[in-house]
Amino acid sequence: MYFVFEIQKQDNGSCTCLVYHEDSWDYFQAESVYFGKLQYAAISTIPVHTVMLCDAEGSVYGTKTYDRQGKAEE
């Protein structure tokens, strides 16, 4: 059983956590959702935008954070 978490932190410090899950997902379906969420996080204007792929036992298979707070574009 797999979960994709999307964590969004705003400039004012407030956070939102979105959880995506389907009981029928195998690993590859969950990974597809993970990468789909990352494609939006990569170009979002949210100051700190994290996406994680985890299973029900707490293993983390992927995590990526885009931290735009006080960082110049490269």
PDB file of N, CA and C in Angstrom:
ATOM      1  N   MET A   1       0.854  -1.170   0.000  1.00  0.00           N
ATOM      2  CA  MET A   1       0.000   0.000   0.000  1.00  0.00           C
ATOM      3  C   MET A   1       0.903   1.237   0.000  1.00  0.00           C
ATOM      4  N   TYR A   2       0.674   2.125  -0.951  1.00  0.00           N
ATOM      5  CA  TYR A   2       1.552   3.281  -1.145  1.00  0.00           C
ATOM      6  C   TYR A   2       0.781   4.586  -1.011  1.00  0.00           C
ATOM      7  N   PHE A   3       1.518   5.611  -0.605  1.00  0.00           N
ATOM      8  CA  PHE A   3       0.970   6.952  -0.416  1.00  0.00           C
ATOM      9  C   PHE A   3       1.904   7.974  -1.046  1.00  0.00           C
ATOM     10  N   VAL A   4       1.320   9.002  -1.631  1.00  0.00           N
ATOM     11  CA  VAL A   4       2.083  10.152  -2.101  1.00  0.00           C
ATOM     12  C   VAL A   4       1.633  11.341  -1.263  1.00  0.00           C
ATOM     13  N   PHE A   5       2.598  11.982  -0.623  1.00  0.00           N
ATOM     14  CA  PHE A   5       2.335  13.163   0.199  1.00  0.00           C
ATOM     15  C   PHE A   5       2.856  14.395  -0.526  1.00  0.00           C
ATOM     16  N   GLU A   6       2.060  15.440  -0.524  1.00  0.00           N
ATOM     17  CA  GLU A   6       2.468  16.722  -1.087  1.00  0.00           C
ATOM     18  C   GLU A   6       2.344  17.758   0.033  1.00  0.00           C
ATOM     19  N   ILE A   7       3.469  18.357   0.391  1.00  0.00           N
ATOM     20  CA  ILE A   7       3.506  19.311   1.498  1.00  0.00           C
ATOM     21  C   ILE A   7       3.851  20.683   0.928  1.00  0.00           C
ATOM     22  N   GLN A   8       3.009  21.650   1.250  1.00  0.00           N
ATOM     23  CA  GLN A   8       3.190  23.009   0.736  1.00  0.00           C
ATOM     24  C   GLN A   8       3.319  23.969   1.904  1.00  0.00           C
ATOM     25  N   LYS A   9       4.439  24.703   1.939  1.00  0.00           N
ATOM     26  CA  LYS A   9       4.660  25.684   3.000  1.00  0.00           C
ATOM     27  C   LYS A   9       4.657  27.079   2.395  1.00  0.00           C
ATOM     28  N   GLN A  10       3.812  27.944   2.938  1.00  0.00           N
ATOM     29  CA  GLN A  10       3.682  29.318   2.445  1.00  0.00           C
ATOM     30  C   GLN A  10       4.664  30.258   3.148  1.00  0.00           C
ATOM     31  N   ASP A  11       4.793  31.475   2.630  1.00  0.00           N
ATOM     32  CA  ASP A  11       5.680  32.482   3.239  1.00  0.00           C
ATOM     33  C   ASP A  11       5.318  32.793   4.682  1.00  0.00           C
ATOM     34  N   ASN A  12       4.034  32.716   5.009  1.00  0.00           N
ATOM     35  CA  ASN A  12       3.598  33.050   6.370  1.00  0.00           C
ATOM     36  C   ASN A  12       3.780  31.886   7.345  1.00  0.00           C
ATOM     37  N   GLY A  13       4.342  30.770   6.864  1.00  0.00           N
ATOM     38  CA  GLY A  13       4.602  29.619   7.719  1.00  0.00           C
ATOM     39  C   GLY A  13       3.500  28.582   7.745  1.00  0.00           C
ATOM     40  N   SER A  14       2.335  28.897   7.174  1.00  0.00           N
ATOM     41  CA  SER A  14       1.246  27.916   7.163  1.00  0.00           C
ATOM     42  C   SER A  14       1.581  26.780   6.190  1.00  0.00           C
ATOM     43  N   CYS A  15       1.121  25.591   6.554  1.00  0.00           N
ATOM     44  CA  CYS A  15       1.410  24.403   5.747  1.00  0.00           C
ATOM     45  C   CYS A  15       0.124  23.675   5.376  1.00  0.00           C
ATOM     46  N   THR A  16       0.174  23.037   4.225  1.00  0.00           N
ATOM     47  CA  THR A  16      -0.900  22.179   3.761  1.00  0.00           C
ATOM     48  C   THR A  16      -0.285  20.850   3.377  1.00  0.00           C
ATOM     49  N   CYS A  17      -0.935  19.753   3.746  1.00  0.00           N
ATOM     50  CA  CYS A  17      -0.467  18.423   3.352  1.00  0.00           C
ATOM     51  C   CYS A  17      -1.600  17.731   2.596  1.00  0.00           C
ATOM     52  N   LEU A  18      -1.318  17.354   1.372  1.00  0.00           N
ATOM     53  CA  LEU A  18      -2.268  16.620   0.544  1.00  0.00           C
ATOM     54  C   LEU A  18      -1.791  15.173   0.460  1.00  0.00           C
ATOM     55  N   VAL A  19      -2.705  14.237   0.573  1.00  0.00           N
ATOM     56  CA  VAL A  19      -2.354  12.824   0.540  1.00  0.00           C
ATOM     57  C   VAL A  19      -3.097  12.163  -0.619  1.00  0.00           C
ATOM     58  N   TYR A  20      -2.345  11.405  -1.418  1.00  0.00           N
ATOM     59  CA  TYR A  20      -2.910  10.682  -2.555  1.00  0.00           C
ATOM     60  C   TYR A  20      -2.694   9.189  -2.307  1.00  0.00           C
ATOM     61  N   HIS A  21      -3.760   8.403  -2.478  1.00  0.00           N
ATOM     62  CA  HIS A  21      -3.676   6.972  -2.181  1.00  0.00           C
ATOM     63  C   HIS A  21      -4.836   6.239  -2.837  1.00  0.00           C
ATOM     64  N   GLU A  22      -4.541   5.096  -3.384  1.00  0.00           N
ATOM     65  CA  GLU A  22      -5.565   4.160  -3.861  1.00  0.00           C
ATOM     66  C   GLU A  22      -5.157   2.773  -3.394  1.00  0.00           C
ATOM     67  N   ASP A  23      -6.062   2.038  -2.827  1.00  0.00           N
ATOM     68  CA  ASP A  23      -5.746   0.692  -2.349  1.00  0.00           C
ATOM     69  C   ASP A  23      -5.227  -0.217  -3.464  1.00  0.00           C
ATOM     70  N   SER A  24      -5.624   0.056  -4.686  1.00  0.00           N
ATOM     71  CA  SER A  24      -5.263  -0.821  -5.809  1.00  0.00           C
ATOM     72  C   SER A  24      -3.890  -0.508  -6.417  1.00  0.00           C
ATOM     73  N   TRP A  25      -3.241   0.596  -5.999  1.00  0.00           N
ATOM     74  CA  TRP A  25      -1.950   0.945  -6.599  1.00  0.00           C
ATOM     75  C   TRP A  25      -0.891  -0.108  -6.309  1.00  0.00           C
ATOM     76  N   ASP A  26      -0.142  -0.465  -7.349  1.00  0.00           N
ATOM     77  CA  ASP A  26       1.108  -1.179  -7.119  1.00  0.00           C
ATOM     78  C   ASP A  26       2.213  -0.107  -7.054  1.00  0.00           C
ATOM     79  N   TYR A  27       3.450  -0.535  -6.868  1.00  0.00           N
ATOM     80  CA  TYR A  27       4.540   0.434  -6.705  1.00  0.00           C
ATOM     81  C   TYR A  27       4.650   1.365  -7.908  1.00  0.00           C
ATOM     82  N   PHE A  28       4.534   0.824  -9.106  1.00  0.00           N
ATOM     83  CA  PHE A  28       4.751   1.629 -10.307  1.00  0.00           C
ATOM     84  C   PHE A  28       3.639   2.649 -10.530  1.00  0.00           C
ATOM     85  N   GLN A  29       2.432   2.310 -10.168  1.00  0.00           N
ATOM     86  CA  GLN A  29       1.336   3.282 -10.251  1.00  0.00           C
ATOM     87  C   GLN A  29       1.559   4.410  -9.250  1.00  0.00           C
ATOM     88  N   ALA A  30       1.975   4.070  -8.043  1.00  0.00           N
ATOM     89  CA  ALA A  30       2.248   5.098  -7.031  1.00  0.00           C
ATOM     90  C   ALA A  30       3.417   5.979  -7.466  1.00  0.00           C
ATOM     91  N   GLU A  31       4.449   5.374  -8.053  1.00  0.00           N
ATOM     92  CA  GLU A  31       5.589   6.150  -8.526  1.00  0.00           C
ATOM     93  C   GLU A  31       5.185   7.102  -9.650  1.00  0.00           C
ATOM     94  N   SER A  32       4.278   6.694 -10.482  1.00  0.00           N
ATOM     95  CA  SER A  32       3.776   7.554 -11.547  1.00  0.00           C
ATOM     96  C   SER A  32       3.081   8.786 -10.976  1.00  0.00           C
ATOM     97  N   VAL A  33       2.272   8.587  -9.944  1.00  0.00           N
ATOM     98  CA  VAL A  33       1.605   9.716  -9.286  1.00  0.00           C
ATOM     99  C   VAL A  33       2.647  10.632  -8.644  1.00  0.00           C
ATOM    100  N   TYR A  34       3.647  10.037  -7.986  1.00  0.00           N
ATOM    101  CA  TYR A  34       4.742  10.797  -7.364  1.00  0.00           C
ATOM    102  C   TYR A  34       5.422  11.712  -8.379  1.00  0.00           C
ATOM    103  N   PHE A  35       5.814  11.160  -9.515  1.00  0.00           N
ATOM    104  CA  PHE A  35       6.488  11.978 -10.523  1.00  0.00           C
ATOM    105  C   PHE A  35       5.541  13.002 -11.153  1.00  0.00           C
ATOM    106  N   GLY A  36       4.272  12.657 -11.250  1.00  0.00           N
ATOM    107  CA  GLY A  36       3.292  13.618 -11.752  1.00  0.00           C
ATOM    108  C   GLY A  36       3.160  14.833 -10.846  1.00  0.00           C
ATOM    109  N   LYS A  37       3.158  14.591  -9.538  1.00  0.00           N
ATOM    110  CA  LYS A  37       3.089  15.712  -8.586  1.00  0.00           C
ATOM    111  C   LYS A  37       4.382  16.520  -8.610  1.00  0.00           C
ATOM    112  N   LEU A  38       5.518  15.844  -8.794  1.00  0.00           N
ATOM    113  CA  LEU A  38       6.799  16.553  -8.866  1.00  0.00           C
ATOM    114  C   LEU A  38       6.877  17.492 -10.058  1.00  0.00           C
ATOM    115  N   GLN A  39       6.256  17.132 -11.168  1.00  0.00           N
ATOM    116  CA  GLN A  39       6.323  18.001 -12.340  1.00  0.00           C
ATOM    117  C   GLN A  39       5.666  19.351 -12.060  1.00  0.00           C
ATOM    118  N   TYR A  40       4.638  19.358 -11.238  1.00  0.00           N
ATOM    119  CA  TYR A  40       3.997  20.614 -10.859  1.00  0.00           C
ATOM    120  C   TYR A  40       4.775  21.341  -9.765  1.00  0.00           C
ATOM    121  N   ALA A  41       5.320  20.596  -8.818  1.00  0.00           N
ATOM    122  CA  ALA A  41       6.102  21.206  -7.732  1.00  0.00           C
ATOM    123  C   ALA A  41       7.340  21.913  -8.282  1.00  0.00           C
ATOM    124  N   ALA A  42       7.916  21.370  -9.340  1.00  0.00           N
ATOM    125  CA  ALA A  42       9.143  21.941  -9.907  1.00  0.00           C
ATOM    126  C   ALA A  42       8.939  23.358 -10.447  1.00  0.00           C
ATOM    127  N   ILE A  43       7.736  23.662 -10.891  1.00  0.00           N
ATOM    128  CA  ILE A  43       7.486  24.976 -11.486  1.00  0.00           C
ATOM    129  C   ILE A  43       6.519  25.827 -10.667  1.00  0.00           C
ATOM    130  N   SER A  44       6.114  25.341  -9.503  1.00  0.00           N
ATOM    131  CA  SER A  44       5.151  26.093  -8.694  1.00  0.00           C
ATOM    132  C   SER A  44       5.803  27.339  -8.093  1.00  0.00           C
ATOM    133  N   THR A  45       4.975  28.224  -7.609  1.00  0.00           N
ATOM    134  CA  THR A  45       5.458  29.434  -6.930  1.00  0.00           C
ATOM    135  C   THR A  45       5.351  29.293  -5.413  1.00  0.00           C
ATOM    136  N   ILE A  46       5.006  28.123  -4.943  1.00  0.00           N
ATOM    137  CA  ILE A  46       4.921  27.867  -3.502  1.00  0.00           C
ATOM    138  C   ILE A  46       6.335  27.900  -2.936  1.00  0.00           C
ATOM    139  N   PRO A  47       6.568  28.647  -1.858  1.00  0.00           N
ATOM    140  CA  PRO A  47       7.932  28.823  -1.335  1.00  0.00           C
ATOM    141  C   PRO A  47       8.679  27.527  -1.011  1.00  0.00           C
ATOM    142  N   VAL A  48       8.016  26.583  -0.345  1.00  0.00           N
ATOM    143  CA  VAL A  48       8.629  25.282  -0.073  1.00  0.00           C
ATOM    144  C   VAL A  48       7.603  24.229  -0.471  1.00  0.00           C
ATOM    145  N   HIS A  49       7.980  23.390  -1.424  1.00  0.00           N
ATOM    146  CA  HIS A  49       7.042  22.428  -2.004  1.00  0.00           C
ATOM    147  C   HIS A  49       7.721  21.059  -2.011  1.00  0.00           C
ATOM    148  N   THR A  50       7.186  20.124  -1.242  1.00  0.00           N
ATOM    149  CA  THR A  50       7.779  18.798  -1.084  1.00  0.00           C
ATOM    150  C   THR A  50       6.806  17.729  -1.564  1.00  0.00           C
ATOM    151  N   VAL A  51       7.353  16.689  -2.199  1.00  0.00           N
ATOM    152  CA  VAL A  51       6.560  15.527  -2.595  1.00  0.00           C
ATOM    153  C   VAL A  51       7.303  14.286  -2.112  1.00  0.00           C
ATOM    154  N   MET A  52       6.560  13.358  -1.497  1.00  0.00           N
ATOM    155  CA  MET A  52       7.150  12.131  -0.951  1.00  0.00           C
ATOM    156  C   MET A  52       6.363  10.912  -1.408  1.00  0.00           C
ATOM    157  N   LEU A  53       7.070   9.808  -1.615  1.00  0.00           N
ATOM    158  CA  LEU A  53       6.461   8.518  -1.912  1.00  0.00           C
ATOM    159  C   LEU A  53       6.813   7.570  -0.777  1.00  0.00           C
ATOM    160  N   CYS A  54       5.787   7.067  -0.081  1.00  0.00           N
ATOM    161  CA  CYS A  54       5.995   6.208   1.097  1.00  0.00           C
ATOM    162  C   CYS A  54       5.062   5.008   1.023  1.00  0.00           C
ATOM    163  N   ASP A  55       5.367   4.002   1.858  1.00  0.00           N
ATOM    164  CA  ASP A  55       4.423   2.891   1.984  1.00  0.00           C
ATOM    165  C   ASP A  55       3.803   2.899   3.376  1.00  0.00           C
ATOM    166  N   ALA A  56       2.872   2.008   3.596  1.00  0.00           N
ATOM    167  CA  ALA A  56       2.116   1.975   4.853  1.00  0.00           C
ATOM    168  C   ALA A  56       2.983   1.598   6.049  1.00  0.00           C
ATOM    169  N   GLU A  57       4.133   0.997   5.800  1.00  0.00           N
ATOM    170  CA  GLU A  57       5.042   0.621   6.885  1.00  0.00           C
ATOM    171  C   GLU A  57       6.041   1.730   7.208  1.00  0.00           C
ATOM    172  N   GLY A  58       5.964   2.847   6.503  1.00  0.00           N
ATOM    173  CA  GLY A  58       6.828   3.986   6.788  1.00  0.00           C
ATOM    174  C   GLY A  58       8.101   4.067   5.966  1.00  0.00           C
ATOM    175  N   SER A  59       8.305   3.156   5.041  1.00  0.00           N
ATOM    176  CA  SER A  59       9.476   3.239   4.164  1.00  0.00           C
ATOM    177  C   SER A  59       9.278   4.373   3.170  1.00  0.00           C
ATOM    178  N   VAL A  60      10.339   5.133   2.939  1.00  0.00           N
ATOM    179  CA  VAL A  60      10.295   6.260   2.011  1.00  0.00           C
ATOM    180  C   VAL A  60      11.057   5.861   0.755  1.00  0.00           C
ATOM    181  N   TYR A  61      10.383   5.931  -0.392  1.00  0.00           N
ATOM    182  CA  TYR A  61      10.981   5.534  -1.662  1.00  0.00           C
ATOM    183  C   TYR A  61      11.446   6.732  -2.478  1.00  0.00           C
ATOM    184  N   GLY A  62      10.948   7.898  -2.142  1.00  0.00           N
ATOM    185  CA  GLY A  62      11.372   9.091  -2.854  1.00  0.00           C
ATOM    186  C   GLY A  62      10.911  10.326  -2.118  1.00  0.00           C
ATOM    187  N   THR A  63      11.754  11.342  -2.114  1.00  0.00           N
ATOM    188  CA  THR A  63      11.372  12.637  -1.563  1.00  0.00           C
ATOM    189  C   THR A  63      12.155  13.720  -2.290  1.00  0.00           C
ATOM    190  N   LYS A  64      11.470  14.785  -2.603  1.00  0.00           N
ATOM    191  CA  LYS A  64      12.097  15.911  -3.288  1.00  0.00           C
ATOM    192  C   LYS A  64      11.453  17.184  -2.762  1.00  0.00           C
ATOM    193  N   THR A  65      12.306  18.156  -2.420  1.00  0.00           N
ATOM    194  CA  THR A  65      11.824  19.447  -1.934  1.00  0.00           C
ATOM    195  C   THR A  65      12.360  20.553  -2.824  1.00  0.00           C
ATOM    196  N   TYR A  66      11.483  21.443  -3.228  1.00  0.00           N
ATOM    197  CA  TYR A  66      11.856  22.667  -3.935  1.00  0.00           C
ATOM    198  C   TYR A  66      11.710  23.798  -2.932  1.00  0.00           C
ATOM    199  N   ASP A  67      12.836  24.329  -2.482  1.00  0.00           N
ATOM    200  CA  ASP A  67      12.866  25.388  -1.470  1.00  0.00           C
ATOM    201  C   ASP A  67      13.257  26.685  -2.146  1.00  0.00           C
ATOM    202  N   ARG A  68      12.296  27.576  -2.280  1.00  0.00           N
ATOM    203  CA  ARG A  68      12.521  28.847  -2.965  1.00  0.00           C
ATOM    204  C   ARG A  68      12.674  30.020  -1.998  1.00  0.00           C
ATOM    205  N   GLN A  69      12.741  29.750  -0.714  1.00  0.00           N
ATOM    206  CA  GLN A  69      12.821  30.818   0.275  1.00  0.00           C
ATOM    207  C   GLN A  69      14.228  31.411   0.305  1.00  0.00           C
ATOM    208  N   GLY A  70      14.320  32.654  -0.105  1.00  0.00           N
ATOM    209  CA  GLY A  70      15.592  33.381  -0.031  1.00  0.00           C
ATOM    210  C   GLY A  70      16.682  32.841  -0.931  1.00  0.00           C
ATOM    211  N   LYS A  71      16.310  32.090  -1.953  1.00  0.00           N
ATOM    212  CA  LYS A  71      17.315  31.534  -2.864  1.00  0.00           C
ATOM    213  C   LYS A  71      17.154  32.170  -4.242  1.00  0.00           C
ATOM    214  N   ALA A  72      18.276  32.537  -4.816  1.00  0.00           N
ATOM    215  CA  ALA A  72      18.269  33.123  -6.143  1.00  0.00           C
ATOM    216  C   ALA A  72      18.088  31.998  -7.174  1.00  0.00           C
ATOM    217  N   GLU A  73      17.439  32.341  -8.270  1.00  0.00           N
ATOM    218  CA  GLU A  73      17.295  31.362  -9.350  1.00  0.00           C
ATOM    219  C   GLU A  73      18.645  31.114  -9.983  1.00  0.00           C
ATOM    220  N   GLU A  74      18.873  29.872 -10.380  1.00  0.00           N
ATOM    221  CA  GLU A  74      20.139  29.515 -11.026  1.00  0.00           C
ATOM    222  C   GLU A  74      19.936  29.312 -12.501  1.00  0.00           C
TER     223      GLU A  74
END
